Protein backbone atom coordinates (compact mmCIF):
# COMPACT_ATOMS: atom_id res chain seq x y z
CA UNK A 1 0.02 -0.12 0.02
CA UNK A 2 3.00 2.30 0.78
CA UNK A 3 4.35 1.93 -2.74
CA UNK A 4 0.88 2.85 -4.17
CA UNK A 5 0.75 6.33 -2.31
CA UNK A 6 4.38 6.91 -3.17
CA UNK A 7 3.66 6.31 -6.91
CA UNK A 8 0.59 8.44 -6.53
CA UNK A 9 2.82 11.27 -5.27
CA UNK A 10 5.06 11.38 -8.22
CA UNK A 11 1.99 11.10 -10.63
CA UNK A 12 0.20 14.01 -8.54
CA UNK A 13 3.26 16.21 -8.99
CA UNK A 14 3.50 15.48 -12.55
CA UNK A 15 -0.02 16.57 -13.05
CA UNK A 16 0.43 19.58 -11.06
CA UNK A 17 3.26 20.73 -13.65
CA UNK A 18 1.29 19.71 -16.52
CA UNK A 19 -1.85 21.96 -15.19
CA UNK A 20 0.67 24.65 -14.47
CA UNK A 21 1.93 24.41 -18.25
CA UNK A 22 -1.71 24.77 -19.35
CA UNK A 23 -2.38 27.73 -17.06
CA UNK A 24 0.91 29.28 -18.61
CA UNK A 25 -0.31 28.74 -22.19
CA UNK A 26 -4.03 30.36 -21.33
CA UNK A 27 -2.17 33.23 -19.79
CA UNK A 28 -0.31 33.82 -22.93
CA UNK A 29 -3.73 33.83 -24.77
CA UNK A 30 -4.97 36.69 -22.24
CA UNK A 31 -7.50 34.02 -20.74
CA UNK A 32 -6.66 34.98 -17.26
CA UNK A 33 -9.67 33.81 -15.64
CA UNK A 34 -9.22 30.14 -16.72
CA UNK A 35 -5.35 30.29 -16.40
CA UNK A 36 -6.08 31.24 -12.57
CA UNK A 37 -8.49 28.47 -12.32
CA UNK A 38 -5.98 25.94 -13.44
CA UNK A 39 -2.99 27.49 -11.53
CA UNK A 40 -5.13 27.02 -8.20
CA UNK A 41 -5.84 23.49 -9.51
CA UNK A 42 -2.14 22.87 -9.94
CA UNK A 43 -1.49 24.31 -6.22
CA UNK A 44 -3.81 21.78 -4.76
CA UNK A 45 -2.34 18.84 -6.89
CA UNK A 46 1.04 20.07 -5.73
CA UNK A 47 -0.01 19.67 -1.99
CA UNK A 48 -1.58 16.29 -2.78
CA UNK A 49 1.75 14.89 -3.99
CA UNK A 50 3.25 15.97 -0.83
CA UNK A 51 0.57 14.58 1.27
CA UNK A 52 0.51 11.40 -0.66
CA UNK A 53 4.12 11.01 0.17
CA UNK A 54 3.59 11.74 3.73
CA UNK A 55 1.18 8.88 4.02
CA UNK A 56 3.37 6.45 2.37
CA UNK A 57 6.02 7.38 4.52
CA UNK A 58 3.96 6.50 7.54
CA UNK A 59 4.13 10.23 8.88
CA UNK A 60 0.14 10.55 8.62
CA UNK A 61 -1.62 7.84 10.52
CA UNK A 62 -5.23 9.43 10.31
CA UNK A 63 -7.63 6.51 9.28
CA UNK A 64 -9.43 9.10 7.61
CA UNK A 65 -6.88 10.28 5.22
CA UNK A 66 -8.79 9.11 1.97
CA UNK A 67 -11.62 11.65 2.86
CA UNK A 68 -9.37 14.41 4.11
CA UNK A 69 -7.18 14.22 1.16
CA UNK A 70 -10.48 15.63 -0.91
CA UNK A 71 -10.64 18.46 1.00
CA UNK A 72 -9.59 21.49 -1.05
CA UNK A 73 -8.80 23.93 1.68
CA UNK A 74 -6.74 21.52 3.64
CA UNK A 75 -4.83 21.01 0.58
CA UNK A 76 -4.46 24.75 0.20
CA UNK A 77 -3.10 25.23 3.75
CA UNK A 78 -0.40 22.75 3.30
CA UNK A 79 0.46 24.02 -0.23
CA UNK A 80 0.85 27.33 1.17
CA UNK A 81 3.01 25.91 3.88
CA UNK A 82 5.26 24.15 1.48
CA UNK A 83 5.62 27.32 -0.95
CA UNK A 84 6.26 29.70 2.08
CA UNK A 85 9.04 27.38 3.09
CA UNK A 86 10.46 27.26 -0.13
CA UNK A 87 10.09 31.37 -0.51
CA UNK A 88 11.60 31.90 2.72
CA UNK A 89 14.42 29.58 2.26
CA UNK A 90 15.15 30.72 -1.16
CA UNK A 91 18.80 31.45 -2.16
CA UNK A 92 17.95 35.36 -2.23
CA UNK A 93 16.48 35.59 1.16
CA UNK A 94 18.69 37.05 3.74
CA UNK A 95 18.13 34.09 6.02
CA UNK A 96 20.07 31.77 3.28
CA UNK A 97 22.68 34.04 2.51
CA UNK A 98 23.46 34.41 6.29
CA UNK A 99 23.39 30.65 7.00
CA UNK A 100 25.65 30.07 3.89
CA UNK A 101 28.15 32.61 5.42
CA UNK A 102 28.08 31.13 8.99
CA UNK A 103 28.68 27.66 7.85
CA UNK A 104 32.05 28.91 6.38
CA UNK A 105 33.22 30.72 9.32
CA UNK A 106 34.38 28.55 12.60
CA UNK A 107 34.75 31.68 14.57
CA UNK A 108 31.07 32.04 16.05
CA UNK A 109 31.86 35.75 16.97
CA UNK A 110 31.89 36.40 13.27
CA UNK A 111 28.73 34.82 12.73
CA UNK A 112 26.06 37.28 11.11
CA UNK A 113 22.78 35.48 12.23
CA UNK A 114 22.39 36.85 15.70
CA UNK A 115 22.44 40.53 14.23
CA UNK A 116 20.53 39.46 11.24
CA UNK A 117 17.59 37.84 13.42
CA UNK A 118 15.47 40.82 13.65
CA UNK A 119 15.81 41.47 9.73
CA UNK A 120 15.12 38.02 8.90
CA UNK A 121 11.92 37.92 11.13
CA UNK A 122 10.63 41.13 9.33
CA UNK A 123 11.53 39.82 6.01
CA UNK A 124 9.51 36.47 6.67
CA UNK A 125 6.63 38.26 7.86
CA UNK A 126 6.46 40.15 4.59
CA UNK A 127 6.95 37.31 2.49
CA UNK A 128 4.05 35.44 4.50
CA UNK A 129 1.79 38.27 4.04
CA UNK A 130 2.63 38.31 0.39
CA UNK A 131 1.64 34.84 -0.02
CA UNK A 132 -1.65 34.88 1.99
CA UNK A 133 -2.68 37.87 -0.40
CA UNK A 134 -2.03 35.43 -3.35
CA UNK A 135 -3.45 32.08 -1.91
CA UNK A 136 -5.83 32.99 0.89
CA UNK A 137 -8.74 33.13 -1.29
CA UNK A 138 -7.49 30.95 -4.27
CA UNK A 139 -10.08 28.23 -4.02
CA UNK A 140 -13.12 30.48 -4.11
CA UNK A 141 -11.58 32.82 -6.93
CA UNK A 142 -10.98 29.55 -8.83
CA UNK A 143 -14.46 28.55 -8.94
CA UNK A 144 -15.21 32.55 -10.02
CA UNK A 145 -12.84 31.83 -12.87
CA UNK A 146 -14.91 28.97 -14.38
CA UNK A 147 -18.78 29.87 -13.52
CA UNK A 148 -20.96 32.93 -14.51
CA UNK A 149 -22.99 33.94 -11.76
CA UNK A 150 -26.28 36.25 -10.96
CA UNK A 151 -25.72 38.89 -8.66
CA UNK A 152 -29.51 39.36 -7.47
CA UNK A 153 -28.70 42.13 -4.97
CA UNK A 154 -26.89 44.41 -7.44
CA UNK A 155 -29.12 43.18 -10.36
CA UNK A 156 -26.32 42.02 -12.62
CA UNK A 157 -24.39 38.88 -14.15
CA UNK A 158 -21.01 38.31 -13.22
CA UNK A 159 -18.54 36.66 -15.37
CA UNK A 160 -15.17 35.27 -14.71
CA UNK A 161 -13.35 38.05 -16.51
CA UNK A 162 -15.23 40.62 -14.04
CA UNK A 163 -13.64 39.02 -11.01
CA UNK A 164 -10.37 37.69 -12.01
CA UNK A 165 -7.83 40.17 -13.64
CA UNK A 166 -4.39 39.62 -15.10
CA UNK A 167 -2.46 40.72 -12.00
CA UNK A 168 -4.24 38.06 -9.85
CA UNK A 169 -3.30 35.58 -12.33
CA UNK A 170 0.23 36.71 -12.78
CA UNK A 171 0.81 36.94 -9.29
CA UNK A 172 -0.29 33.23 -8.71
CA UNK A 173 1.30 31.96 -11.78
CA UNK A 174 4.82 33.65 -11.29
CA UNK A 175 5.05 32.21 -7.77
CA UNK A 176 4.02 28.78 -9.02
CA UNK A 177 6.56 28.59 -11.89
CA UNK A 178 9.28 29.92 -9.37
CA UNK A 179 9.00 27.63 -6.60
CA UNK A 180 6.98 24.35 -7.73
CA UNK A 181 9.68 23.11 -10.07
CA UNK A 182 12.33 20.44 -8.72
CA UNK A 183 10.14 19.27 -5.92
CA UNK A 184 10.42 15.66 -7.33
CA UNK A 185 13.79 15.45 -5.50
CA UNK A 186 12.17 15.80 -2.43
CA UNK A 187 9.55 13.28 -3.18
CA UNK A 188 11.76 10.65 -4.20
CA UNK A 189 14.07 10.73 -0.99
CA UNK A 190 13.82 7.93 1.11
CA UNK A 191 11.56 8.04 4.32
CA UNK A 192 14.50 9.03 6.75
CA UNK A 193 15.43 11.83 4.51
CA UNK A 194 11.84 12.79 3.63
CA UNK A 195 10.92 13.05 7.25
CA UNK A 196 13.68 15.54 8.01
CA UNK A 197 12.33 17.71 4.94
CA UNK A 198 8.83 17.57 6.32
CA UNK A 199 10.12 18.86 9.89
CA UNK A 200 11.39 21.81 8.07
CA UNK A 201 8.76 22.27 5.41
CA UNK A 202 5.50 21.57 7.18
CA UNK A 203 5.99 20.38 10.72
CA UNK A 204 2.31 20.23 11.41
CA UNK A 205 2.22 17.01 9.69
CA UNK A 206 3.92 15.32 12.36
CA UNK A 207 1.07 15.37 14.42
CA UNK A 208 0.08 12.39 12.34
CA UNK A 209 -3.03 13.94 10.45
CA UNK A 210 -3.34 16.50 7.55
CA UNK A 211 -6.38 18.25 9.39
CA UNK A 212 -5.67 21.78 10.48
CA UNK A 213 -7.87 24.60 11.69
CA UNK A 214 -7.51 26.41 8.24
CA UNK A 215 -9.94 29.29 8.71
CA UNK A 216 -8.44 29.79 12.17
CA UNK A 217 -5.22 30.11 10.70
CA UNK A 218 -6.38 32.65 8.18
CA UNK A 219 -7.99 34.63 10.92
CA UNK A 220 -4.94 34.84 13.13
CA UNK A 221 -2.84 35.85 10.01
CA UNK A 222 -5.13 38.64 9.26
CA UNK A 223 -5.24 39.68 12.87
CA UNK A 224 -1.52 39.94 13.15
CA UNK A 225 -1.20 42.02 9.95
CA UNK A 226 -3.67 44.50 11.23
């Protein structure tokens, strides 16, 4: 069974890349609403690949996993965690540059991390805020990118292009194109190595379940930003 979910992880990841490529094609044709919807689906498949791998490695033990994996907001929650970590730890971040420097210097008095810590904390908060603006409502916005609705209160018809603009789509796809590629290396790692990656990227998984209080998380982040 573990092998089945490990194969599913790789298949879901490849599907996430395929969906992203389709979204890129539509974006180039100025089909922004449809491109956004496919981009959001790509993020969900990306998260699902990670969660399948967590299950195959025995990190998720919740018997309700097969039900939970269908919950869109839960997948979005974990997808945000993964990409937030990738964004925060990217080579151009202050944290990555400081750690690289300190590893090369044996004299602890010359390490940059203690002095840089406040800057790193502020930078991380700013990056997370940017991510929340991109991803927090992507599930609902994804649906708006597909369906036409009637706004009875205002007496008008609302089309996907009325809601999703080029900037919304560009922000989402730019981020996915930058940080989703190369994740197969993590998915193919042996279980011990993979567990260490999970401890860094999404430690909530170590509780044994993928379930989270997503709405509480969003409210907390919004409150802290205000």
